[in-house]
Amino acid sequence: MIAVLGLVVGVVAGLVVRPVVPLAVEPYLPIAVVAALDAVFGGLRAMLDGIFDDKVFVVSFLSNVVVAALIVFLGDKLGVGAQLSTGVVVVLGIRIFSNAAAIRRHVFRA
């Protein structure tokens, strides 16, 4: 229940404050969101499997976001930012769908 309350408070604060993303960080935001979603789905799967650890979740969340952003940043500096961005999204997308399938199997016992 605390997580849902935190989500509601965060959405309301975002709508009221209307934060501005700096132009230099803008290309990395979608990648960071996908990396964060990967960590969230992994945490949900771990919770359903009974092996959730909050420290592991926080480290996974932060490291996923930082590593994904660094890969895209490095790709931008090498001139292959679009290709590395696509690669990061594909890899994280595969992980997200794998975790979603495991969550579905656990919830529906299928």
N, C-alpha and C. Protein backbone atom coordinates (compact mmCIF):
# COMPACT_ATOMS: atom_id res chain seq x y z
N MET A 1 0.82 -1.19 0.00
CA MET A 1 0.00 0.00 0.00
C MET A 1 0.87 1.26 0.00
N ILE A 2 2.03 1.16 0.67
CA ILE A 2 2.94 2.30 0.72
C ILE A 2 3.45 2.64 -0.67
N ALA A 3 3.72 1.62 -1.48
CA ALA A 3 4.22 1.84 -2.84
C ALA A 3 3.17 2.56 -3.68
N VAL A 4 1.92 2.17 -3.56
CA VAL A 4 0.84 2.82 -4.32
C VAL A 4 0.69 4.26 -3.89
N LEU A 5 0.75 4.50 -2.59
CA LEU A 5 0.67 5.86 -2.07
C LEU A 5 1.84 6.70 -2.58
N GLY A 6 3.04 6.12 -2.58
CA GLY A 6 4.22 6.82 -3.10
C GLY A 6 4.07 7.14 -4.58
N LEU A 7 3.50 6.21 -5.34
CA LEU A 7 3.27 6.44 -6.77
C LEU A 7 2.30 7.60 -6.99
N VAL A 8 1.21 7.61 -6.23
CA VAL A 8 0.22 8.68 -6.36
C VAL A 8 0.83 10.02 -5.99
N VAL A 9 1.57 10.06 -4.89
CA VAL A 9 2.21 11.31 -4.46
C VAL A 9 3.21 11.78 -5.52
N GLY A 10 3.98 10.86 -6.10
CA GLY A 10 4.95 11.20 -7.13
C GLY A 10 4.30 11.75 -8.39
N VAL A 11 3.21 11.14 -8.82
CA VAL A 11 2.50 11.62 -10.02
C VAL A 11 1.91 13.00 -9.76
N VAL A 12 1.29 13.19 -8.62
CA VAL A 12 0.71 14.49 -8.29
C VAL A 12 1.81 15.55 -8.21
N ALA A 13 2.92 15.23 -7.56
CA ALA A 13 4.02 16.19 -7.46
C ALA A 13 4.58 16.52 -8.84
N GLY A 14 4.68 15.54 -9.72
CA GLY A 14 5.16 15.79 -11.07
C GLY A 14 4.22 16.68 -11.86
N LEU A 15 2.92 16.51 -11.66
CA LEU A 15 1.95 17.35 -12.37
C LEU A 15 1.93 18.77 -11.83
N VAL A 16 2.14 18.93 -10.53
CA VAL A 16 2.11 20.25 -9.92
C VAL A 16 3.41 21.01 -10.19
N VAL A 17 4.55 20.35 -9.98
CA VAL A 17 5.84 21.02 -10.10
C VAL A 17 6.26 21.18 -11.56
N ARG A 18 5.87 20.25 -12.42
CA ARG A 18 6.24 20.26 -13.84
C ARG A 18 7.75 20.43 -14.03
N PRO A 19 8.52 19.38 -13.65
CA PRO A 19 9.97 19.49 -13.76
C PRO A 19 10.41 19.59 -15.22
N VAL A 20 11.52 20.27 -15.43
CA VAL A 20 12.09 20.44 -16.76
C VAL A 20 13.34 19.58 -16.86
N VAL A 21 13.39 18.75 -17.88
CA VAL A 21 14.55 17.89 -18.10
C VAL A 21 15.58 18.69 -18.89
N PRO A 22 16.82 18.79 -18.40
CA PRO A 22 17.84 19.52 -19.14
C PRO A 22 18.07 18.90 -20.52
N LEU A 23 18.35 19.74 -21.49
CA LEU A 23 18.50 19.29 -22.86
C LEU A 23 19.63 18.28 -23.00
N ALA A 24 20.69 18.41 -22.21
CA ALA A 24 21.83 17.50 -22.30
C ALA A 24 21.47 16.09 -21.83
N VAL A 25 20.50 15.98 -20.94
CA VAL A 25 20.12 14.68 -20.36
C VAL A 25 18.96 14.04 -21.12
N GLU A 26 18.28 14.82 -21.93
CA GLU A 26 17.07 14.37 -22.60
C GLU A 26 17.21 13.07 -23.40
N PRO A 27 18.31 12.85 -24.15
CA PRO A 27 18.40 11.60 -24.92
C PRO A 27 18.51 10.34 -24.05
N TYR A 28 18.93 10.51 -22.80
CA TYR A 28 19.15 9.36 -21.93
C TYR A 28 17.94 9.01 -21.09
N LEU A 29 16.96 9.89 -21.01
CA LEU A 29 15.79 9.67 -20.17
C LEU A 29 14.98 8.44 -20.57
N PRO A 30 14.67 8.23 -21.86
CA PRO A 30 13.90 7.03 -22.21
C PRO A 30 14.64 5.73 -21.87
N ILE A 31 15.95 5.73 -22.06
CA ILE A 31 16.74 4.55 -21.74
C ILE A 31 16.73 4.31 -20.24
N ALA A 32 16.83 5.38 -19.46
CA ALA A 32 16.80 5.25 -18.01
C ALA A 32 15.45 4.71 -17.53
N VAL A 33 14.37 5.15 -18.16
CA VAL A 33 13.03 4.68 -17.79
C VAL A 33 12.89 3.19 -18.09
N VAL A 34 13.37 2.76 -19.26
CA VAL A 34 13.29 1.33 -19.61
C VAL A 34 14.14 0.51 -18.65
N ALA A 35 15.33 1.01 -18.29
CA ALA A 35 16.18 0.29 -17.33
C ALA A 35 15.51 0.22 -15.96
N ALA A 36 14.85 1.29 -15.54
CA ALA A 36 14.14 1.28 -14.26
C ALA A 36 12.97 0.30 -14.30
N LEU A 37 12.25 0.24 -15.42
CA LEU A 37 11.15 -0.73 -15.55
C LEU A 37 11.67 -2.16 -15.45
N ASP A 38 12.84 -2.41 -16.02
CA ASP A 38 13.44 -3.74 -15.92
C ASP A 38 13.68 -4.10 -14.46
N ALA A 39 14.22 -3.17 -13.69
CA ALA A 39 14.46 -3.43 -12.27
C ALA A 39 13.15 -3.65 -11.51
N VAL A 40 12.13 -2.87 -11.84
CA VAL A 40 10.84 -3.01 -11.15
C VAL A 40 10.21 -4.37 -11.44
N PHE A 41 10.21 -4.78 -12.72
CA PHE A 41 9.65 -6.09 -13.04
C PHE A 41 10.47 -7.22 -12.42
N GLY A 42 11.80 -7.05 -12.38
CA GLY A 42 12.64 -8.05 -11.72
C GLY A 42 12.35 -8.13 -10.23
N GLY A 43 12.12 -6.98 -9.60
CA GLY A 43 11.78 -6.97 -8.18
C GLY A 43 10.44 -7.60 -7.90
N LEU A 44 9.47 -7.34 -8.77
CA LEU A 44 8.15 -7.96 -8.61
C LEU A 44 8.24 -9.47 -8.77
N ARG A 45 9.02 -9.91 -9.74
CA ARG A 45 9.20 -11.35 -9.93
C ARG A 45 9.87 -11.97 -8.70
N ALA A 46 10.90 -11.31 -8.18
CA ALA A 46 11.58 -11.82 -7.00
C ALA A 46 10.64 -11.88 -5.80
N MET A 47 9.77 -10.88 -5.67
CA MET A 47 8.82 -10.86 -4.57
C MET A 47 7.86 -12.05 -4.67
N LEU A 48 7.38 -12.32 -5.88
CA LEU A 48 6.46 -13.44 -6.06
C LEU A 48 7.16 -14.79 -5.85
N ASP A 49 8.46 -14.84 -6.16
CA ASP A 49 9.22 -16.07 -5.95
C ASP A 49 9.68 -16.23 -4.51
N GLY A 50 9.48 -15.18 -3.69
CA GLY A 50 9.84 -15.24 -2.29
C GLY A 50 11.31 -14.99 -2.02
N ILE A 51 12.03 -14.38 -2.95
CA ILE A 51 13.46 -14.14 -2.77
C ILE A 51 13.80 -12.65 -2.86
N PHE A 52 12.83 -11.79 -2.64
CA PHE A 52 13.05 -10.34 -2.76
C PHE A 52 13.94 -9.85 -1.63
N ASP A 53 14.90 -9.02 -1.99
CA ASP A 53 15.77 -8.36 -1.02
C ASP A 53 15.82 -6.88 -1.39
N ASP A 54 15.45 -6.02 -0.46
CA ASP A 54 15.36 -4.60 -0.79
C ASP A 54 16.71 -3.99 -1.17
N LYS A 55 17.79 -4.45 -0.55
CA LYS A 55 19.11 -3.93 -0.91
C LYS A 55 19.47 -4.31 -2.34
N VAL A 56 19.19 -5.54 -2.71
CA VAL A 56 19.46 -5.99 -4.07
C VAL A 56 18.62 -5.20 -5.06
N PHE A 57 17.37 -4.92 -4.71
CA PHE A 57 16.50 -4.16 -5.59
C PHE A 57 17.03 -2.75 -5.82
N VAL A 58 17.42 -2.07 -4.76
CA VAL A 58 17.91 -0.69 -4.88
C VAL A 58 19.19 -0.66 -5.72
N VAL A 59 20.12 -1.59 -5.43
CA VAL A 59 21.36 -1.64 -6.21
C VAL A 59 21.07 -1.97 -7.66
N SER A 60 20.17 -2.90 -7.91
CA SER A 60 19.81 -3.27 -9.28
C SER A 60 19.17 -2.09 -10.00
N PHE A 61 18.26 -1.41 -9.33
CA PHE A 61 17.57 -0.26 -9.92
C PHE A 61 18.58 0.81 -10.34
N LEU A 62 19.43 1.21 -9.40
CA LEU A 62 20.39 2.28 -9.68
C LEU A 62 21.44 1.86 -10.71
N SER A 63 21.95 0.64 -10.58
CA SER A 63 23.00 0.21 -11.51
C SER A 63 22.43 0.02 -12.92
N ASN A 64 21.21 -0.48 -13.05
CA ASN A 64 20.60 -0.61 -14.38
C ASN A 64 20.50 0.75 -15.07
N VAL A 65 20.03 1.74 -14.33
CA VAL A 65 19.85 3.07 -14.91
C VAL A 65 21.20 3.68 -15.28
N VAL A 66 22.18 3.59 -14.39
CA VAL A 66 23.48 4.19 -14.64
C VAL A 66 24.21 3.49 -15.79
N VAL A 67 24.22 2.16 -15.79
CA VAL A 67 24.92 1.42 -16.84
C VAL A 67 24.27 1.66 -18.20
N ALA A 68 22.94 1.64 -18.27
CA ALA A 68 22.26 1.88 -19.54
C ALA A 68 22.56 3.28 -20.06
N ALA A 69 22.53 4.27 -19.17
CA ALA A 69 22.83 5.64 -19.59
C ALA A 69 24.28 5.78 -20.03
N LEU A 70 25.20 5.11 -19.33
CA LEU A 70 26.61 5.17 -19.72
C LEU A 70 26.86 4.51 -21.08
N ILE A 71 26.17 3.41 -21.34
CA ILE A 71 26.32 2.75 -22.65
C ILE A 71 25.86 3.68 -23.76
N VAL A 72 24.73 4.32 -23.57
CA VAL A 72 24.22 5.24 -24.59
C VAL A 72 25.12 6.46 -24.70
N PHE A 73 25.62 6.98 -23.60
CA PHE A 73 26.54 8.12 -23.62
C PHE A 73 27.81 7.76 -24.39
N LEU A 74 28.36 6.59 -24.11
CA LEU A 74 29.55 6.13 -24.83
C LEU A 74 29.25 5.99 -26.32
N GLY A 75 28.09 5.46 -26.65
CA GLY A 75 27.69 5.34 -28.04
C GLY A 75 27.58 6.69 -28.72
N ASP A 76 27.06 7.68 -28.00
CA ASP A 76 26.98 9.03 -28.55
C ASP A 76 28.37 9.59 -28.84
N LYS A 77 29.29 9.36 -27.93
CA LYS A 77 30.65 9.86 -28.11
C LYS A 77 31.37 9.15 -29.26
N LEU A 78 31.04 7.88 -29.49
CA LEU A 78 31.65 7.12 -30.58
C LEU A 78 30.92 7.30 -31.91
N GLY A 79 29.77 7.96 -31.87
CA GLY A 79 29.01 8.19 -33.09
C GLY A 79 28.04 7.08 -33.45
N VAL A 80 27.81 6.17 -32.52
CA VAL A 80 26.88 5.06 -32.77
C VAL A 80 25.80 5.03 -31.69
N GLY A 81 25.36 6.21 -31.25
CA GLY A 81 24.40 6.31 -30.16
C GLY A 81 23.07 5.66 -30.46
N ALA A 82 22.58 5.82 -31.69
CA ALA A 82 21.29 5.23 -32.05
C ALA A 82 21.34 3.71 -32.02
N GLN A 83 22.44 3.15 -32.50
CA GLN A 83 22.56 1.69 -32.52
C GLN A 83 22.68 1.13 -31.11
N LEU A 84 23.47 1.78 -30.26
CA LEU A 84 23.59 1.29 -28.89
C LEU A 84 22.30 1.51 -28.11
N SER A 85 21.60 2.60 -28.38
CA SER A 85 20.30 2.82 -27.73
C SER A 85 19.33 1.70 -28.10
N THR A 86 19.31 1.36 -29.38
CA THR A 86 18.45 0.26 -29.82
C THR A 86 18.84 -1.04 -29.15
N GLY A 87 20.13 -1.30 -29.06
CA GLY A 87 20.61 -2.52 -28.41
C GLY A 87 20.22 -2.59 -26.95
N VAL A 88 20.35 -1.48 -26.24
CA VAL A 88 19.98 -1.45 -24.82
C VAL A 88 18.48 -1.68 -24.66
N VAL A 89 17.68 -1.04 -25.49
CA VAL A 89 16.23 -1.21 -25.41
C VAL A 89 15.83 -2.65 -25.72
N VAL A 90 16.47 -3.27 -26.71
CA VAL A 90 16.15 -4.66 -27.06
C VAL A 90 16.51 -5.59 -25.90
N VAL A 91 17.70 -5.45 -25.35
CA VAL A 91 18.13 -6.33 -24.26
C VAL A 91 17.23 -6.15 -23.04
N LEU A 92 16.98 -4.90 -22.66
CA LEU A 92 16.12 -4.67 -21.50
C LEU A 92 14.68 -5.08 -21.78
N GLY A 93 14.23 -4.90 -23.02
CA GLY A 93 12.89 -5.34 -23.39
C GLY A 93 12.74 -6.85 -23.26
N ILE A 94 13.76 -7.58 -23.68
CA ILE A 94 13.72 -9.05 -23.54
C ILE A 94 13.64 -9.42 -22.06
N ARG A 95 14.42 -8.74 -21.23
CA ARG A 95 14.38 -9.04 -19.79
C ARG A 95 13.02 -8.68 -19.19
N ILE A 96 12.46 -7.56 -19.61
CA ILE A 96 11.14 -7.15 -19.09
C ILE A 96 10.09 -8.17 -19.46
N PHE A 97 10.07 -8.60 -20.74
CA PHE A 97 9.07 -9.58 -21.16
C PHE A 97 9.29 -10.94 -20.51
N SER A 98 10.54 -11.31 -20.26
CA SER A 98 10.83 -12.56 -19.56
C SER A 98 10.30 -12.50 -18.13
N ASN A 99 10.54 -11.39 -17.46
CA ASN A 99 10.02 -11.23 -16.09
C ASN A 99 8.49 -11.17 -16.10
N ALA A 100 7.91 -10.49 -17.08
CA ALA A 100 6.45 -10.42 -17.16
C ALA A 100 5.85 -11.80 -17.38
N ALA A 101 6.50 -12.63 -18.20
CA ALA A 101 6.01 -13.99 -18.41
C ALA A 101 6.10 -14.81 -17.13
N ALA A 102 7.18 -14.66 -16.38
CA ALA A 102 7.31 -15.38 -15.12
C ALA A 102 6.27 -14.90 -14.11
N ILE A 103 6.00 -13.61 -14.09
CA ILE A 103 4.97 -13.07 -13.19
C ILE A 103 3.60 -13.62 -13.58
N ARG A 104 3.32 -13.64 -14.87
CA ARG A 104 2.03 -14.19 -15.35
C ARG A 104 1.88 -15.65 -14.95
N ARG A 105 2.95 -16.43 -15.16
CA ARG A 105 2.89 -17.85 -14.79
C ARG A 105 2.66 -18.02 -13.30
N HIS A 106 3.29 -17.15 -12.50
CA HIS A 106 3.12 -17.27 -11.06
C HIS A 106 1.72 -16.87 -10.62
N VAL A 107 1.21 -15.78 -11.17
CA VAL A 107 -0.11 -15.28 -10.77
C VAL A 107 -1.22 -16.21 -11.22
N PHE A 108 -1.16 -16.68 -12.49
CA PHE A 108 -2.23 -17.50 -13.03
C PHE A 108 -1.96 -18.99 -12.94
N ARG A 109 -0.81 -19.34 -12.36
CA ARG A 109 -0.41 -20.75 -12.20
C ARG A 109 -0.44 -21.48 -13.54
N ALA A 110 0.00 -20.80 -14.58
CA ALA A 110 -0.01 -21.40 -15.92
C ALA A 110 1.40 -21.50 -16.45
